[in-house]
Amino acid sequence: MGEKTALTGEETFRLWRRAALLLVAVLSHVPMHYLWRLLRLPSPWPRWFLGRVARIAGARVQVIGTPLRRDVFYVSNHVSWIDILALGGASGTAFVAKSEIGEAPVVGWLAGLNRTVYVKRENRMGVAQQINELRDALAENWAITVFPEGTTTNGKSLLPFKTPMLRVLEPPPPGVLVQPVLLDYGAAGEEIGWVGDESGLNNARRVLARKQGFPLKISFLEPFDPRDFPGRKAIAAESRRRIEVALVAALGEPLRPFEYGVAAVDYPGS
């Protein structure tokens, strides 16, 4: 999957059609977001934009369970860049992302609209401080998502959870809960997954050129109080345990081993 393959005429048409729809979404949603900001109103437009883009990309999202809307850390497995679109659209959450994303043209700007927290590979000890700063800025209504696997997988596997981005929960802020989240692409997971040495551009081409949409079940699992699992390692272990139980149930079979190789998305390690 790492090699760039030529698209057929039909695939090229679908790719450009979806690209045009993405442009329409940008032109219709972003100005409205700035208008809401100008009027000092809470802006729903980033969430609506992410949800719309996820659907344009082919995701048919089904939300299972009830997402907490504030004072919550979502801890999720990670399969694709579509995770961010779909989860943001379903819950309005902000995300933790590597700093390179913030520097990317257009993508970085759009990510900034959704209050993304950027972490630097060379500053692993500063992750909690950056999350604390975001928490202060979003005191009125905040939710943050972390992907502690540290990379994307094929949707059939679950890697060990890394813990640096959970340092903010040592100790947990008053009233904050942790809610594990399972992202399940079903049979399409291995095709959608962004793994190996495949470039982001090539993965986007493949996904946007697909003929059919694909299901994406977002299961918001039972939240828990991080005070009941003192320390970031215990919080990560409990989150992973709950996600693994839900993923095995969804797959109907044991998890598959996953070879690390060269990952397309890579976050700071533990």
Protein backbone atom coordinates (compact mmCIF):
# COMPACT_ATOMS: atom_id res chain seq x y z
CA MET A 1 0.00 0.00 0.00
CA GLY A 2 3.01 2.26 0.27
CA GLU A 3 3.42 2.66 -3.47
CA LYS A 4 1.55 5.28 -5.41
CA THR A 5 -0.69 3.59 -7.96
CA ALA A 6 -2.30 5.16 -11.01
CA LEU A 7 -6.01 5.85 -10.74
CA THR A 8 -8.53 4.82 -13.37
CA GLY A 9 -10.61 7.46 -15.10
CA GLU A 10 -13.60 6.65 -12.88
CA GLU A 11 -11.49 6.86 -9.74
CA THR A 12 -10.01 10.17 -10.83
CA PHE A 13 -13.51 11.56 -11.38
CA ARG A 14 -14.58 10.49 -7.89
CA LEU A 15 -11.42 11.98 -6.41
CA TRP A 16 -11.94 15.38 -8.02
CA ARG A 17 -15.66 15.34 -7.27
CA ARG A 18 -14.96 14.84 -3.59
CA ALA A 19 -12.20 17.44 -3.68
CA ALA A 20 -14.70 19.94 -5.09
CA LEU A 21 -17.16 19.10 -2.33
CA LEU A 22 -14.42 19.62 0.25
CA LEU A 23 -13.74 23.07 -1.20
CA VAL A 24 -17.44 23.92 -0.98
CA ALA A 25 -17.44 22.81 2.66
CA VAL A 26 -14.50 25.09 3.43
CA LEU A 27 -16.06 28.08 1.67
CA SER A 28 -19.43 27.59 3.36
CA HIS A 29 -18.35 26.73 6.91
CA VAL A 30 -15.16 28.66 7.66
CA PRO A 31 -16.57 32.17 7.00
CA MET A 32 -19.53 31.36 9.25
CA HIS A 33 -17.14 30.27 11.98
CA TYR A 34 -15.35 33.62 11.83
CA LEU A 35 -18.69 35.44 11.87
CA TRP A 36 -19.69 33.59 15.06
CA ARG A 37 -16.32 34.48 16.58
CA LEU A 38 -16.79 38.12 15.59
CA LEU A 39 -20.16 38.12 17.33
CA ARG A 40 -18.52 36.44 20.37
CA LEU A 41 -20.83 33.45 20.08
CA PRO A 42 -19.84 29.82 20.70
CA SER A 43 -19.13 28.48 17.22
CA PRO A 44 -20.59 25.10 16.18
CA TRP A 45 -19.07 25.42 12.72
CA PRO A 46 -15.79 23.52 13.25
CA ARG A 47 -17.75 20.51 14.49
CA TRP A 48 -20.22 20.71 11.62
CA PHE A 49 -17.35 21.14 9.17
CA LEU A 50 -15.49 18.05 10.42
CA GLY A 51 -18.64 15.95 10.29
CA ARG A 52 -19.41 17.12 6.76
CA VAL A 53 -15.88 16.40 5.54
CA ALA A 54 -15.97 12.92 7.08
CA ARG A 55 -19.12 12.16 5.13
CA ILE A 56 -17.67 13.59 1.92
CA ALA A 57 -14.66 11.30 2.40
CA GLY A 58 -17.05 8.35 2.55
CA ALA A 59 -17.56 7.75 6.29
CA ARG A 60 -21.07 6.73 7.30
CA VAL A 61 -20.83 7.45 10.99
CA GLN A 62 -22.93 5.68 13.60
CA VAL A 63 -22.59 6.93 17.17
CA ILE A 64 -23.06 4.34 19.89
CA GLY A 65 -23.29 5.44 23.51
CA THR A 66 -23.36 8.94 24.91
CA PRO A 67 -20.32 11.22 24.61
CA LEU A 68 -19.62 13.49 27.54
CA ARG A 69 -19.56 17.07 26.30
CA ARG A 70 -17.19 18.74 28.74
CA ASP A 71 -14.58 18.04 31.39
CA VAL A 72 -13.62 14.85 29.61
CA PHE A 73 -10.58 13.17 28.11
CA TYR A 74 -11.50 10.85 25.26
CA VAL A 75 -8.94 8.06 24.90
CA SER A 76 -9.30 6.38 21.50
CA ASN A 77 -7.75 3.82 19.22
CA HIS A 78 -6.38 5.25 15.97
CA VAL A 79 -6.84 3.94 12.42
CA SER A 80 -6.92 6.86 9.97
CA TRP A 81 -6.90 10.61 9.52
CA ILE A 82 -10.65 10.19 9.14
CA ASP A 83 -10.77 9.43 12.88
CA ILE A 84 -10.24 13.13 13.58
CA LEU A 85 -12.96 14.25 11.19
CA ALA A 86 -15.54 11.75 12.40
CA LEU A 87 -14.81 12.01 16.12
CA GLY A 88 -14.65 15.80 15.97
CA GLY A 89 -17.93 15.90 14.09
CA ALA A 90 -19.62 13.54 16.52
CA SER A 91 -18.49 15.22 19.73
CA GLY A 92 -16.92 18.63 19.07
CA THR A 93 -13.69 17.52 20.74
CA ALA A 94 -10.31 19.13 20.31
CA PHE A 95 -7.27 16.95 19.60
CA VAL A 96 -3.66 16.51 20.49
CA ALA A 97 -1.49 16.36 17.36
CA LYS A 98 2.16 16.47 16.40
CA SER A 99 3.52 19.96 15.76
CA GLU A 100 4.20 19.20 12.08
CA ILE A 101 0.47 19.21 11.41
CA GLY A 102 0.19 22.76 12.67
CA GLU A 103 2.89 23.82 10.22
CA ALA A 104 1.24 22.20 7.20
CA PRO A 105 -0.49 24.55 4.75
CA VAL A 106 -4.31 24.58 4.89
CA VAL A 107 -4.45 21.47 7.10
CA GLY A 108 -2.68 23.28 9.95
CA TRP A 109 -4.96 26.26 9.58
CA LEU A 110 -8.09 24.10 9.66
CA ALA A 111 -6.77 22.13 12.63
CA GLY A 112 -6.18 25.40 14.45
CA LEU A 113 -9.83 26.33 14.00
CA ASN A 114 -10.68 23.24 16.03
CA ARG A 115 -8.38 24.22 18.92
CA THR A 116 -5.78 21.53 18.29
CA VAL A 117 -3.00 21.17 20.87
CA TYR A 118 0.38 20.66 19.22
CA VAL A 119 3.16 18.63 20.80
CA LYS A 120 6.77 18.54 19.71
CA ARG A 121 8.72 15.31 19.38
CA GLU A 122 11.74 16.89 21.05
CA ASN A 123 9.70 18.20 23.98
CA ARG A 124 8.09 15.08 25.40
CA MET A 125 8.09 16.46 28.93
CA GLY A 126 6.07 19.51 27.85
CA VAL A 127 2.94 17.68 26.69
CA ALA A 128 1.04 18.04 29.97
CA GLN A 129 1.86 21.73 30.19
CA GLN A 130 0.45 22.31 26.71
CA ILE A 131 -2.71 20.40 27.53
CA ASN A 132 -3.09 22.40 30.73
CA GLU A 133 -2.90 25.60 28.71
CA LEU A 134 -5.64 24.36 26.41
CA ARG A 135 -7.76 23.34 29.38
CA ASP A 136 -7.56 26.86 30.74
CA ALA A 137 -8.48 28.34 27.37
CA LEU A 138 -11.46 26.02 26.95
CA ALA A 139 -12.75 26.25 30.52
CA GLU A 140 -16.27 27.02 29.34
CA ASN A 141 -16.69 23.84 27.32
CA TRP A 142 -13.83 21.48 26.64
CA ALA A 143 -13.17 17.94 25.58
CA ILE A 144 -9.79 16.64 24.45
CA THR A 145 -8.99 13.48 22.50
CA VAL A 146 -5.69 11.62 22.67
CA PHE A 147 -4.58 8.64 20.59
CA PRO A 148 -2.18 6.90 22.98
CA GLU A 149 -1.20 4.11 20.58
CA GLY A 150 1.15 6.69 19.11
CA THR A 151 0.44 5.63 15.52
CA THR A 152 -2.32 4.43 13.24
CA THR A 153 -3.18 0.73 12.83
CA ASN A 154 -5.25 -1.46 10.52
CA GLY A 155 -8.36 -1.47 12.71
CA LYS A 156 -7.87 -5.13 13.64
CA SER A 157 -5.08 -4.52 16.15
CA LEU A 158 -4.49 -2.53 19.31
CA LEU A 159 -1.00 -1.41 20.28
CA PRO A 160 0.33 -0.68 23.77
CA PHE A 161 -0.80 2.72 25.00
CA LYS A 162 1.87 5.38 25.48
CA THR A 163 1.34 7.71 28.40
CA PRO A 164 3.03 11.15 28.06
CA MET A 165 -0.15 12.92 26.97
CA LEU A 166 -1.95 11.62 30.06
CA ARG A 167 0.40 13.39 32.45
CA VAL A 168 -2.20 16.14 32.83
CA LEU A 169 -4.24 13.61 34.79
CA GLU A 170 -1.54 13.40 37.46
CA PRO A 171 -3.43 14.44 39.51
CA PRO A 172 -6.74 14.71 37.63
CA PRO A 173 -8.34 18.16 37.54
CA PRO A 174 -11.54 18.36 39.63
CA GLY A 175 -14.55 16.87 37.89
CA VAL A 176 -12.66 15.50 34.87
CA LEU A 177 -13.57 12.02 33.64
CA VAL A 178 -11.92 9.70 31.13
CA GLN A 179 -14.11 8.20 28.43
CA PRO A 180 -12.62 5.43 26.25
CA VAL A 181 -13.71 5.49 22.61
CA LEU A 182 -13.67 2.67 20.05
CA LEU A 183 -13.43 3.53 16.36
CA ASP A 184 -14.55 0.52 14.32
CA TYR A 185 -14.36 0.56 10.51
CA GLY A 186 -15.47 -3.06 10.21
CA ALA A 187 -14.28 -4.89 7.12
CA ALA A 188 -13.07 -1.63 5.55
CA GLY A 189 -10.52 -1.00 8.32
CA GLU A 190 -7.59 -2.67 6.59
CA GLU A 191 -8.18 -0.69 3.40
CA ILE A 192 -8.84 2.63 5.13
CA GLY A 193 -6.01 2.30 7.66
CA TRP A 194 -3.00 4.56 7.15
CA VAL A 195 -0.08 2.27 7.92
CA GLY A 196 3.33 1.23 6.66
CA ASP A 197 5.33 3.61 4.52
CA GLU A 198 2.33 4.96 2.62
CA SER A 199 2.34 8.74 2.36
CA GLY A 200 -0.56 10.76 3.64
CA LEU A 201 -1.24 12.08 0.14
CA ASN A 202 -1.42 8.59 -1.33
CA ASN A 203 -3.71 7.40 1.43
CA ALA A 204 -6.00 10.38 0.89
CA ARG A 205 -6.06 9.64 -2.87
CA ARG A 206 -7.05 6.05 -2.24
CA VAL A 207 -9.77 6.90 0.25
CA LEU A 208 -11.26 9.76 -1.77
CA ALA A 209 -11.23 7.68 -4.97
CA ARG A 210 -13.17 4.76 -3.47
CA LYS A 211 -16.44 3.89 -5.12
CA GLN A 212 -18.44 3.20 -2.00
CA GLY A 213 -18.72 4.74 1.40
CA PHE A 214 -17.75 2.79 4.49
CA PRO A 215 -19.28 2.37 7.94
CA LEU A 216 -17.59 3.86 10.97
CA LYS A 217 -19.01 3.02 14.36
CA ILE A 218 -17.92 5.39 17.12
CA SER A 219 -18.59 3.74 20.46
CA PHE A 220 -18.38 6.03 23.46
CA LEU A 221 -17.73 3.54 26.24
CA GLU A 222 -18.55 3.92 29.91
CA PRO A 223 -16.52 6.81 31.40
CA PHE A 224 -14.52 6.36 34.56
CA ASP A 225 -13.06 8.58 37.24
CA PRO A 226 -9.27 8.71 36.82
CA ARG A 227 -8.96 9.03 40.59
CA ASP A 228 -9.95 5.37 40.79
CA PHE A 229 -6.84 4.47 38.74
CA PRO A 230 -4.05 6.65 40.16
CA GLY A 231 -1.26 7.51 37.74
CA ARG A 232 -1.14 7.83 33.97
CA LYS A 233 -0.01 4.23 33.43
CA ALA A 234 -3.00 2.87 35.32
CA ILE A 235 -5.35 5.23 33.44
CA ALA A 236 -3.87 4.14 30.11
CA ALA A 237 -4.11 0.45 31.04
CA GLU A 238 -7.77 0.73 32.07
CA SER A 239 -8.65 2.69 28.92
CA ARG A 240 -6.93 0.12 26.73
CA ARG A 241 -8.59 -2.78 28.54
CA ARG A 242 -12.05 -1.36 27.90
CA ILE A 243 -11.31 -0.55 24.25
CA GLU A 244 -9.84 -4.03 23.69
CA VAL A 245 -12.95 -5.72 25.12
CA ALA A 246 -15.17 -3.63 22.83
CA LEU A 247 -12.96 -4.18 19.76
CA VAL A 248 -12.81 -7.97 20.22
CA ALA A 249 -16.59 -8.00 20.57
CA ALA A 250 -16.97 -5.92 17.39
CA LEU A 251 -14.55 -8.09 15.39
CA GLY A 252 -15.92 -11.37 16.68
CA GLU A 253 -12.37 -12.71 16.81
CA PRO A 254 -9.11 -12.13 18.70
CA LEU A 255 -7.01 -9.09 17.87
CA ARG A 256 -4.37 -9.55 15.19
CA PRO A 257 -0.66 -8.87 15.75
CA PHE A 258 0.48 -5.59 14.23
CA GLU A 259 3.93 -4.96 12.78
CA TYR A 260 5.20 -1.50 13.52
CA GLY A 261 7.33 -0.86 10.45
CA VAL A 262 7.36 2.78 9.40
CA ALA A 263 4.14 4.42 10.50
CA ALA A 264 2.40 7.13 8.53
CA VAL A 265 1.32 8.95 11.67
CA ASP A 266 3.65 8.98 14.62
CA TYR A 267 3.28 10.79 17.93
CA PRO A 268 5.81 11.22 20.72
CA GLY A 269 6.69 8.02 22.58
CA SER A 270 6.43 7.17 26.25
